Amino acid sequence: MKSLLSSRPVLWFLFLFNAAVAIAAGAAGHHLHIHGQTLHGSQQIMTCAGMGIVALGAAAGLLRRHPHPA
C-alpha cells in the first residue's frame, strides 16, 4: 500500500481531486446539492479544511526529493 500511495500518478490524483473538492466546498458548498443535502456552516468549513489538508499532504509528497539510483 505504501508503494501505491507514494507513486507519482496517485499523488497527482490525490492533490488535484482533493484541491478541487476543497475549493468547490469552500466557494459554493451551500449551493452543492447531494441527495437533497447541502453544506452549511461548520460542515462546509470542516469539509474544505479536511480536503485541503489531504491536498497539501499529497503536494508535499510530490515535492519531496526522491534519491535516484546511480
Protein backbone atom coordinates (compact mmCIF):
# COMPACT_ATOMS: atom_id res chain seq x y z
CA MET A 1 0.00 0.00 0.00
CA LYS A 2 2.88 2.37 0.77
CA SER A 3 4.36 1.96 -2.71
CA LEU A 4 0.95 2.68 -4.26
CA LEU A 5 0.39 5.84 -2.21
CA SER A 6 3.88 7.15 -2.93
CA SER A 7 3.62 6.72 -6.71
CA ARG A 8 3.55 9.99 -8.62
CA PRO A 9 0.30 9.36 -10.56
CA VAL A 10 -1.59 8.59 -7.33
CA LEU A 11 -0.14 11.66 -5.62
CA TRP A 12 -1.15 13.84 -8.57
CA PHE A 13 -4.68 12.42 -8.45
CA LEU A 14 -4.95 12.97 -4.69
CA PHE A 15 -3.64 16.51 -5.00
CA LEU A 16 -5.84 17.60 -7.90
CA PHE A 17 -9.04 15.86 -6.75
CA ASN A 18 -8.85 16.98 -3.13
CA ALA A 19 -7.82 20.52 -4.05
CA ALA A 20 -10.76 20.79 -6.46
CA VAL A 21 -13.23 19.49 -3.86
CA ALA A 22 -11.80 21.81 -1.18
CA ILE A 23 -12.16 24.82 -3.47
CA ALA A 24 -15.67 23.80 -4.55
CA ALA A 25 -16.80 23.18 -0.97
CA GLY A 26 -15.29 26.43 0.25
CA ALA A 27 -16.62 28.59 -2.56
CA ALA A 28 -20.03 27.08 -3.21
CA GLY A 29 -20.73 24.49 -0.52
CA HIS A 30 -24.19 25.84 0.23
CA HIS A 31 -25.11 25.57 -3.48
CA LEU A 32 -23.96 21.94 -3.92
CA HIS A 33 -26.94 19.59 -3.58
CA ILE A 34 -26.13 15.93 -2.96
CA HIS A 35 -29.18 13.75 -2.31
CA GLY A 36 -31.07 16.85 -1.19
CA GLN A 37 -28.41 17.85 1.34
CA THR A 38 -26.20 20.95 1.29
CA LEU A 39 -23.17 22.05 3.30
CA HIS A 40 -23.70 24.86 5.78
CA GLY A 41 -21.53 26.48 8.43
CA SER A 42 -19.19 24.14 10.23
CA GLN A 43 -19.82 21.27 7.78
CA GLN A 44 -18.63 23.45 4.93
CA ILE A 45 -15.57 24.64 6.84
CA MET A 46 -14.56 21.15 8.00
CA THR A 47 -15.04 19.64 4.52
CA CYS A 48 -12.92 22.38 2.98
CA ALA A 49 -10.22 22.06 5.67
CA GLY A 50 -10.08 18.25 5.57
CA MET A 51 -9.82 18.02 1.81
CA GLY A 52 -7.30 20.87 1.79
CA ILE A 53 -5.09 19.06 4.32
CA VAL A 54 -5.08 15.91 2.18
CA ALA A 55 -4.23 18.00 -0.91
CA LEU A 56 -1.34 19.67 0.95
CA GLY A 57 -0.04 16.27 2.08
CA ALA A 58 -0.10 14.98 -1.50
CA ALA A 59 1.66 18.16 -2.67
CA ALA A 60 4.36 17.63 -0.04
CA GLY A 61 4.81 14.08 -1.32
CA LEU A 62 5.17 15.38 -4.87
CA LEU A 63 7.74 17.99 -3.88
CA ARG A 64 9.81 15.62 -1.74
CA ARG A 65 13.03 14.73 -3.48
CA HIS A 66 13.49 11.05 -4.18
CA PRO A 67 17.07 9.78 -4.46
CA HIS A 68 17.83 8.45 -7.93
CA PRO A 69 19.70 5.14 -8.08
CA ALA A 70 23.16 5.52 -9.63
